[in-house]
């Protein structure tokens, strides 16, 4: 269960970074 949560958190962090980078670029 913990591994799934960690994977979910890591995925969210990546998504947030990608969104942030997209906003900065545009």
PDB file of N, CA and C in Angstrom:
ATOM      1  N   UNK A   1       0.847  -1.206   0.000  1.00  0.00           N
ATOM      2  CA  UNK A   1       0.000   0.000   0.000  1.00  0.00           C
ATOM      3  C   UNK A   1       0.882   1.256   0.000  1.00  0.00           C
ATOM      4  N   UNK A   2       1.905   1.273   0.844  1.00  0.00           N
ATOM      5  CA  UNK A   2       2.762   2.469   0.910  1.00  0.00           C
ATOM      6  C   UNK A   2       3.416   2.730  -0.436  1.00  0.00           C
ATOM      7  N   UNK A   3       3.844   1.686  -1.117  1.00  0.00           N
ATOM      8  CA  UNK A   3       4.509   1.877  -2.419  1.00  0.00           C
ATOM      9  C   UNK A   3       3.557   2.578  -3.386  1.00  0.00           C
ATOM     10  N   UNK A   4       2.302   2.160  -3.377  1.00  0.00           N
ATOM     11  CA  UNK A   4       1.321   2.784  -4.276  1.00  0.00           C
ATOM     12  C   UNK A   4       1.183   4.264  -3.942  1.00  0.00           C
ATOM     13  N   UNK A   5       1.111   4.567  -2.667  1.00  0.00           N
ATOM     14  CA  UNK A   5       0.970   5.972  -2.256  1.00  0.00           C
ATOM     15  C   UNK A   5       2.185   6.768  -2.709  1.00  0.00           C
ATOM     16  N   UNK A   6       3.381   6.187  -2.525  1.00  0.00           N
ATOM     17  CA  UNK A   6       4.597   6.901  -2.932  1.00  0.00           C
ATOM     18  C   UNK A   6       4.586   7.130  -4.436  1.00  0.00           C
ATOM     19  N   UNK A   7       4.177   6.112  -5.192  1.00  0.00           N
ATOM     20  CA  UNK A   7       4.133   6.267  -6.654  1.00  0.00           C
ATOM     21  C   UNK A   7       3.138   7.367  -7.021  1.00  0.00           C
ATOM     22  N   UNK A   8       1.998   7.399  -6.319  1.00  0.00           N
ATOM     23  CA  UNK A   8       0.975   8.415  -6.596  1.00  0.00           C
ATOM     24  C   UNK A   8       1.507   9.816  -6.290  1.00  0.00           C
ATOM     25  N   UNK A   9       2.187   9.938  -5.167  1.00  0.00           N
ATOM     26  CA  UNK A   9       2.748  11.243  -4.790  1.00  0.00           C
ATOM     27  C   UNK A   9       3.810  11.666  -5.800  1.00  0.00           C
ATOM     28  N   UNK A  10       4.679  10.734  -6.186  1.00  0.00           N
ATOM     29  CA  UNK A  10       5.727  11.060  -7.162  1.00  0.00           C
ATOM     30  C   UNK A  10       5.089  11.492  -8.478  1.00  0.00           C
ATOM     31  N   UNK A  11       4.047  10.801  -8.898  1.00  0.00           N
ATOM     32  CA  UNK A  11       3.378  11.139 -10.156  1.00  0.00           C
ATOM     33  C   UNK A  11       2.769  12.535 -10.050  1.00  0.00           C
ATOM     34  N   UNK A  12       2.164  12.844  -8.928  1.00  0.00           N
ATOM     35  CA  UNK A  12       1.557  14.164  -8.752  1.00  0.00           C
ATOM     36  C   UNK A  12       2.625  15.251  -8.818  1.00  0.00           C
ATOM     37  N   UNK A  13       3.760  15.001  -8.164  1.00  0.00           N
ATOM     38  CA  UNK A  13       4.836  15.996  -8.184  1.00  0.00           C
ATOM     39  C   UNK A  13       5.303  16.234  -9.607  1.00  0.00           C
ATOM     40  N   UNK A  14       5.424  15.178 -10.377  1.00  0.00           N
ATOM     41  CA  UNK A  14       5.858  15.318 -11.770  1.00  0.00           C
ATOM     42  C   UNK A  14       4.818  16.110 -12.550  1.00  0.00           C
ATOM     43  N   UNK A  15       3.532  15.789 -12.325  1.00  0.00           N
ATOM     44  CA  UNK A  15       2.474  16.512 -13.047  1.00  0.00           C
ATOM     45  C   UNK A  15       2.507  17.992 -12.686  1.00  0.00           C
ATOM     46  N   UNK A  16       2.671  18.290 -11.420  1.00  0.00           N
ATOM     47  CA  UNK A  16       2.702  19.681 -10.986  1.00  0.00           C
ATOM     48  C   UNK A  16       3.879  20.408 -11.609  1.00  0.00           C
ATOM     49  N   UNK A  17       5.029  19.764 -11.659  1.00  0.00           N
ATOM     50  CA  UNK A  17       6.214  20.392 -12.248  1.00  0.00           C
ATOM     51  C   UNK A  17       5.971  20.647 -13.731  1.00  0.00           C
ATOM     52  N   UNK A  18       5.365  19.683 -14.413  1.00  0.00           N
ATOM     53  CA  UNK A  18       5.114  19.843 -15.841  1.00  0.00           C
ATOM     54  C   UNK A  18       4.136  20.987 -16.067  1.00  0.00           C
ATOM     55  N   UNK A  19       3.094  21.071 -15.245  1.00  0.00           N
ATOM     56  CA  UNK A  19       2.116  22.156 -15.384  1.00  0.00           C
ATOM     57  C   UNK A  19       2.806  23.492 -15.141  1.00  0.00           C
ATOM     58  N   UNK A  20       3.637  23.542 -14.089  1.00  0.00           N
ATOM     59  CA  UNK A  20       4.322  24.786 -13.748  1.00  0.00           C
ATOM     60  C   UNK A  20       5.235  25.209 -14.896  1.00  0.00           C
ATOM     61  N   UNK A  21       5.978  24.262 -15.451  1.00  0.00           N
ATOM     62  CA  UNK A  21       6.885  24.577 -16.551  1.00  0.00           C
ATOM     63  C   UNK A  21       6.085  25.053 -17.758  1.00  0.00           C
ATOM     64  N   UNK A  22       4.944  24.421 -18.004  1.00  0.00           N
ATOM     65  CA  UNK A  22       4.119  24.811 -19.152  1.00  0.00           C
ATOM     66  C   UNK A  22       3.632  26.249 -18.977  1.00  0.00           C
ATOM     67  N   UNK A  23       3.197  26.587 -17.777  1.00  0.00           N
ATOM     68  CA  UNK A  23       2.708  27.945 -17.513  1.00  0.00           C
ATOM     69  C   UNK A  23       3.841  28.947 -17.691  1.00  0.00           C
ATOM     70  N   UNK A  24       5.018  28.628 -17.193  1.00  0.00           N
ATOM     71  CA  UNK A  24       6.159  29.541 -17.294  1.00  0.00           C
ATOM     72  C   UNK A  24       6.541  29.737 -18.756  1.00  0.00           C
ATOM     73  N   UNK A  25       6.569  28.669 -19.522  1.00  0.00           N
ATOM     74  CA  UNK A  25       6.960  28.764 -20.934  1.00  0.00           C
ATOM     75  C   UNK A  25       5.943  29.595 -21.706  1.00  0.00           C
ATOM     76  N   UNK A  26       4.656  29.368 -21.433  1.00  0.00           N
ATOM     77  CA  UNK A  26       3.619  30.105 -22.166  1.00  0.00           C
ATOM     78  C   UNK A  26       3.446  31.482 -21.545  1.00  0.00           C
TER      79      UNK A  26
END
